[in-house]
Amino acid sequence: MNINNTEIERKFLVEKLPEGLDKYKYFNIRQGYISTNPTIRLRQKDNDYILTVKGAVDKAGLKRAEFELPLSKEQFDNLWEKCETGSIIKKRYIIPLCGGLTAELDIYDENLKGFMNVEVEFSTIKEALLFDPPEWFGAEVTEDRRYSNASLVKYGIPVKK
């Protein structure tokens, strides 16, 4: 668990599901937002409970500060009542990529059922910029804030431009 971290990531829609999806590890995730500006998120990931505070995104849309704090179930349940939004329910698949990278494929349920996106985190901006996405990735939406989870929970799935 990272208590203080810088997150560098790119986000894509999903063109088609990768083959053999059932062989990859996944987590069941439920999350809500105490605040969307600034971003203060509660996440239950299977039996782990996490409070996350995210900083502003840099001008390139790739990097931002992120602070994560593990919670007990009781702390999580008490804070959950403070959420200003509905919840996001999704399965997150962990899919290894070339070069030691990992794709985090999210398949949403309930009010976002049918929506899918994938994120890849990087160690450096240079690594992020040089990344060549696999063929199953769709359009990049890293800089389109309508595809942030905070926006999805408030406004639903964006209409494609």
C-alpha atoms as a PDB file:
ATOM      1  CA  MET A   1       0.000   0.000   0.000  1.00  0.00           C
ATOM      2  CA  ASN A   2       1.481   3.335  -1.007  1.00  0.00           C
ATOM      3  CA  ILE A   3       0.990   6.000   1.607  1.00  0.00           C
ATOM      4  CA  ASN A   4       2.431   8.749  -0.591  1.00  0.00           C
ATOM      5  CA  ASN A   5       2.919   8.263  -4.281  1.00  0.00           C
ATOM      6  CA  THR A   6       3.009   9.892  -7.655  1.00  0.00           C
ATOM      7  CA  GLU A   7       0.754   8.251 -10.193  1.00  0.00           C
ATOM      8  CA  ILE A   8       1.720   8.289 -13.880  1.00  0.00           C
ATOM      9  CA  GLU A   9      -0.857   6.544 -16.023  1.00  0.00           C
ATOM     10  CA  ARG A  10      -2.556   6.390 -19.383  1.00  0.00           C
ATOM     11  CA  LYS A  11      -6.188   5.381 -19.812  1.00  0.00           C
ATOM     12  CA  PHE A  12      -7.887   3.796 -22.820  1.00  0.00           C
ATOM     13  CA  LEU A  13     -11.306   2.553 -23.805  1.00  0.00           C
ATOM     14  CA  VAL A  14     -11.433  -1.157 -24.639  1.00  0.00           C
ATOM     15  CA  GLU A  15     -11.765  -2.176 -28.284  1.00  0.00           C
ATOM     16  CA  LYS A  16     -12.300  -5.857 -27.457  1.00  0.00           C
ATOM     17  CA  LEU A  17     -11.582  -8.090 -24.489  1.00  0.00           C
ATOM     18  CA  PRO A  18      -8.212  -9.836 -24.498  1.00  0.00           C
ATOM     19  CA  GLU A  19      -8.200 -13.566 -25.097  1.00  0.00           C
ATOM     20  CA  GLY A  20      -8.218 -15.840 -22.056  1.00  0.00           C
ATOM     21  CA  LEU A  21      -9.570 -13.203 -19.677  1.00  0.00           C
ATOM     22  CA  ASP A  22     -10.654 -15.898 -17.203  1.00  0.00           C
ATOM     23  CA  LYS A  23      -7.015 -16.874 -16.532  1.00  0.00           C
ATOM     24  CA  TYR A  24      -6.124 -13.466 -15.065  1.00  0.00           C
ATOM     25  CA  LYS A  25      -6.410 -12.435 -11.436  1.00  0.00           C
ATOM     26  CA  TYR A  26      -9.200  -9.976 -10.680  1.00  0.00           C
ATOM     27  CA  PHE A  27     -10.618  -7.980  -7.799  1.00  0.00           C
ATOM     28  CA  ASN A  28     -14.178  -6.956  -7.036  1.00  0.00           C
ATOM     29  CA  ILE A  29     -14.221  -3.220  -6.407  1.00  0.00           C
ATOM     30  CA  ARG A  30     -16.816  -0.902  -4.888  1.00  0.00           C
ATOM     31  CA  GLN A  31     -15.971   2.753  -4.658  1.00  0.00           C
ATOM     32  CA  GLY A  32     -17.595   6.054  -3.847  1.00  0.00           C
ATOM     33  CA  TYR A  33     -16.483   9.648  -3.434  1.00  0.00           C
ATOM     34  CA  ILE A  34     -16.591  11.808  -0.333  1.00  0.00           C
ATOM     35  CA  SER A  35     -15.557  14.618  -2.674  1.00  0.00           C
ATOM     36  CA  THR A  36     -14.863  14.785  -6.400  1.00  0.00           C
ATOM     37  CA  ASN A  37     -13.084  18.159  -6.234  1.00  0.00           C
ATOM     38  CA  PRO A  38     -10.644  17.560  -4.644  1.00  0.00           C
ATOM     39  CA  THR A  39     -10.813  13.804  -5.221  1.00  0.00           C
ATOM     40  CA  ILE A  40     -11.355  11.915  -1.964  1.00  0.00           C
ATOM     41  CA  ARG A  41     -12.291   8.325  -2.746  1.00  0.00           C
ATOM     42  CA  LEU A  42     -13.297   5.319  -0.694  1.00  0.00           C
ATOM     43  CA  ARG A  43     -12.565   1.931  -2.230  1.00  0.00           C
ATOM     44  CA  GLN A  44     -13.338  -1.593  -1.140  1.00  0.00           C
ATOM     45  CA  LYS A  45     -11.146  -4.013  -3.087  1.00  0.00           C
ATOM     46  CA  ASP A  46     -12.290  -7.490  -2.069  1.00  0.00           C
ATOM     47  CA  ASN A  47     -11.569  -7.377   1.692  1.00  0.00           C
ATOM     48  CA  ASP A  48      -9.246  -4.351   1.641  1.00  0.00           C
ATOM     49  CA  TYR A  49     -10.540  -0.880   2.465  1.00  0.00           C
ATOM     50  CA  ILE A  50      -8.721   2.243   1.266  1.00  0.00           C
ATOM     51  CA  LEU A  51      -9.127   6.003   1.507  1.00  0.00           C
ATOM     52  CA  THR A  52      -7.433   7.816  -1.411  1.00  0.00           C
ATOM     53  CA  VAL A  53      -6.789  11.517  -1.905  1.00  0.00           C
ATOM     54  CA  LYS A  54      -5.669  12.545  -5.383  1.00  0.00           C
ATOM     55  CA  GLY A  55      -3.937  15.781  -6.347  1.00  0.00           C
ATOM     56  CA  ALA A  56      -4.375  17.826  -9.491  1.00  0.00           C
ATOM     57  CA  VAL A  57      -3.321  16.304 -12.796  1.00  0.00           C
ATOM     58  CA  ASP A  58      -0.283  17.847 -14.488  1.00  0.00           C
ATOM     59  CA  LYS A  59      -0.648  19.711 -17.789  1.00  0.00           C
ATOM     60  CA  ALA A  60       0.170  16.577 -19.804  1.00  0.00           C
ATOM     61  CA  GLY A  61      -2.692  14.741 -18.079  1.00  0.00           C
ATOM     62  CA  LEU A  62      -0.382  11.889 -17.078  1.00  0.00           C
ATOM     63  CA  LYS A  63       0.914  12.586 -13.568  1.00  0.00           C
ATOM     64  CA  ARG A  64      -0.565  13.453 -10.194  1.00  0.00           C
ATOM     65  CA  ALA A  65       0.033  13.027  -6.499  1.00  0.00           C
ATOM     66  CA  GLU A  66      -1.849  10.242  -4.785  1.00  0.00           C
ATOM     67  CA  PHE A  67      -2.134   9.489  -1.065  1.00  0.00           C
ATOM     68  CA  GLU A  68      -3.598   6.141   0.067  1.00  0.00           C
ATOM     69  CA  LEU A  69      -4.503   5.154   3.606  1.00  0.00           C
ATOM     70  CA  PRO A  70      -5.642   1.643   4.592  1.00  0.00           C
ATOM     71  CA  LEU A  71      -8.840   1.540   6.658  1.00  0.00           C
ATOM     72  CA  SER A  72     -10.580  -1.013   8.823  1.00  0.00           C
ATOM     73  CA  LYS A  73     -13.988  -2.239   7.646  1.00  0.00           C
ATOM     74  CA  GLU A  74     -15.594  -0.253  10.472  1.00  0.00           C
ATOM     75  CA  GLN A  75     -13.789   2.963   9.458  1.00  0.00           C
ATOM     76  CA  PHE A  76     -14.753   2.361   5.827  1.00  0.00           C
ATOM     77  CA  ASP A  77     -18.420   1.756   6.688  1.00  0.00           C
ATOM     78  CA  ASN A  78     -18.552   4.931   8.806  1.00  0.00           C
ATOM     79  CA  LEU A  79     -16.955   7.026   6.067  1.00  0.00           C
ATOM     80  CA  TRP A  80     -19.112   5.436   3.333  1.00  0.00           C
ATOM     81  CA  GLU A  81     -22.105   7.304   4.724  1.00  0.00           C
ATOM     82  CA  LYS A  82     -20.286  10.563   3.871  1.00  0.00           C
ATOM     83  CA  CYS A  83     -20.065   9.795   0.134  1.00  0.00           C
ATOM     84  CA  GLU A  84     -21.584  12.547  -2.014  1.00  0.00           C
ATOM     85  CA  THR A  85     -21.982  10.209  -4.979  1.00  0.00           C
ATOM     86  CA  GLY A  86     -23.454   6.863  -5.809  1.00  0.00           C
ATOM     87  CA  SER A  87     -21.117   3.917  -6.044  1.00  0.00           C
ATOM     88  CA  ILE A  88     -19.092   2.323  -8.799  1.00  0.00           C
ATOM     89  CA  ILE A  89     -19.092  -1.462  -8.963  1.00  0.00           C
ATOM     90  CA  LYS A  90     -16.509  -3.110 -11.196  1.00  0.00           C
ATOM     91  CA  LYS A  91     -14.207  -6.046 -11.703  1.00  0.00           C
ATOM     92  CA  ARG A  92     -10.553  -5.159 -12.174  1.00  0.00           C
ATOM     93  CA  TYR A  93      -8.468  -7.680 -14.095  1.00  0.00           C
ATOM     94  CA  ILE A  94      -4.678  -7.572 -13.719  1.00  0.00           C
ATOM     95  CA  ILE A  95      -3.125  -8.387 -17.104  1.00  0.00           C
ATOM     96  CA  PRO A  96       0.645  -8.560 -17.644  1.00  0.00           C
ATOM     97  CA  LEU A  97       1.997  -6.652 -20.661  1.00  0.00           C
ATOM     98  CA  CYS A  98       5.377  -6.604 -22.396  1.00  0.00           C
ATOM     99  CA  GLY A  99       8.204  -4.758 -20.677  1.00  0.00           C
ATOM    100  CA  GLY A 100       7.049  -5.622 -17.170  1.00  0.00           C
ATOM    101  CA  LEU A 101       3.991  -3.379 -17.413  1.00  0.00           C
ATOM    102  CA  THR A 102       0.517  -4.250 -16.171  1.00  0.00           C
ATOM    103  CA  ALA A 103      -2.870  -3.427 -17.654  1.00  0.00           C
ATOM    104  CA  GLU A 104      -5.701  -2.882 -15.184  1.00  0.00           C
ATOM    105  CA  LEU A 105      -8.871  -3.729 -17.110  1.00  0.00           C
ATOM    106  CA  ASP A 106     -12.072  -2.479 -15.474  1.00  0.00           C
ATOM    107  CA  ILE A 107     -15.410  -4.012 -16.424  1.00  0.00           C
ATOM    108  CA  TYR A 108     -18.197  -1.998 -14.823  1.00  0.00           C
ATOM    109  CA  ASP A 109     -21.503  -3.207 -13.450  1.00  0.00           C
ATOM    110  CA  GLU A 110     -24.817  -1.792 -12.214  1.00  0.00           C
ATOM    111  CA  ASN A 111     -25.435   1.775 -13.479  1.00  0.00           C
ATOM    112  CA  LEU A 112     -22.300   1.618 -15.701  1.00  0.00           C
ATOM    113  CA  LYS A 113     -22.899  -1.939 -16.925  1.00  0.00           C
ATOM    114  CA  GLY A 114     -21.283  -2.628 -20.268  1.00  0.00           C
ATOM    115  CA  PHE A 115     -18.630   0.089 -19.936  1.00  0.00           C
ATOM    116  CA  MET A 116     -14.958  -0.969 -19.961  1.00  0.00           C
ATOM    117  CA  ASN A 117     -11.662   0.842 -19.768  1.00  0.00           C
ATOM    118  CA  VAL A 118      -8.039  -0.035 -19.150  1.00  0.00           C
ATOM    119  CA  GLU A 119      -5.224   1.832 -17.399  1.00  0.00           C
ATOM    120  CA  VAL A 120      -1.487   1.307 -17.415  1.00  0.00           C
ATOM    121  CA  GLU A 121       0.777   2.864 -14.767  1.00  0.00           C
ATOM    122  CA  PHE A 122       4.354   3.853 -15.494  1.00  0.00           C
ATOM    123  CA  SER A 123       7.521   4.682 -13.575  1.00  0.00           C
ATOM    124  CA  THR A 124       8.368   7.746 -15.674  1.00  0.00           C
ATOM    125  CA  ILE A 125       6.705  10.180 -18.068  1.00  0.00           C
ATOM    126  CA  LYS A 126       9.130   9.042 -20.786  1.00  0.00           C
ATOM    127  CA  GLU A 127       8.034   5.415 -20.340  1.00  0.00           C
ATOM    128  CA  ALA A 128       4.379   6.518 -20.550  1.00  0.00           C
ATOM    129  CA  LEU A 129       4.970   8.491 -23.744  1.00  0.00           C
ATOM    130  CA  LEU A 130       6.839   5.599 -25.419  1.00  0.00           C
ATOM    131  CA  PHE A 131       4.145   3.027 -24.578  1.00  0.00           C
ATOM    132  CA  ASP A 132       2.660   1.237 -27.590  1.00  0.00           C
ATOM    133  CA  PRO A 133      -0.766  -0.119 -26.550  1.00  0.00           C
ATOM    134  CA  PRO A 134      -1.816  -3.675 -27.450  1.00  0.00           C
ATOM    135  CA  GLU A 135      -4.347  -4.158 -30.249  1.00  0.00           C
ATOM    136  CA  TRP A 136      -7.211  -4.841 -27.837  1.00  0.00           C
ATOM    137  CA  PHE A 137      -6.934  -1.302 -26.411  1.00  0.00           C
ATOM    138  CA  GLY A 138      -9.277   1.262 -27.937  1.00  0.00           C
ATOM    139  CA  ALA A 139      -9.161   5.054 -28.072  1.00  0.00           C
ATOM    140  CA  GLU A 140      -6.977   6.833 -25.536  1.00  0.00           C
ATOM    141  CA  VAL A 141      -8.926   8.927 -23.014  1.00  0.00           C
ATOM    142  CA  THR A 142      -6.106   9.908 -20.635  1.00  0.00           C
ATOM    143  CA  GLU A 143      -6.768  13.618 -21.062  1.00  0.00           C
ATOM    144  CA  ASP A 144     -10.569  13.358 -21.251  1.00  0.00           C
ATOM    145  CA  ARG A 145     -11.736  13.954 -17.684  1.00  0.00           C
ATOM    146  CA  ARG A 146     -15.233  12.648 -18.605  1.00  0.00           C
ATOM    147  CA  TYR A 147     -13.719   9.170 -18.282  1.00  0.00           C
ATOM    148  CA  SER A 148     -12.386   9.623 -14.751  1.00  0.00           C
ATOM    149  CA  ASN A 149     -14.193   7.423 -12.251  1.00  0.00           C
ATOM    150  CA  ALA A 150     -15.299  10.550 -10.359  1.00  0.00           C
ATOM    151  CA  SER A 151     -16.994  11.829 -13.520  1.00  0.00           C
ATOM    152  CA  LEU A 152     -18.443   8.425 -14.418  1.00  0.00           C
ATOM    153  CA  VAL A 153     -20.130   8.090 -11.021  1.00  0.00           C
ATOM    154  CA  LYS A 154     -21.619  11.602 -11.257  1.00  0.00           C
ATOM    155  CA  TYR A 155     -22.573  11.825 -14.939  1.00  0.00           C
ATOM    156  CA  GLY A 156     -22.560   8.284 -16.332  1.00  0.00           C
ATOM    157  CA  ILE A 157     -20.934   6.990 -19.508  1.00  0.00           C
ATOM    158  CA  PRO A 158     -19.931   9.864 -21.810  1.00  0.00           C
ATOM    159  CA  VAL A 159     -21.367  10.174 -25.283  1.00  0.00           C
ATOM    160  CA  LYS A 160     -18.511   9.654 -27.744  1.00  0.00           C
ATOM    161  CA  LYS A 161     -17.460  12.770 -29.634  1.00  0.00           C
END
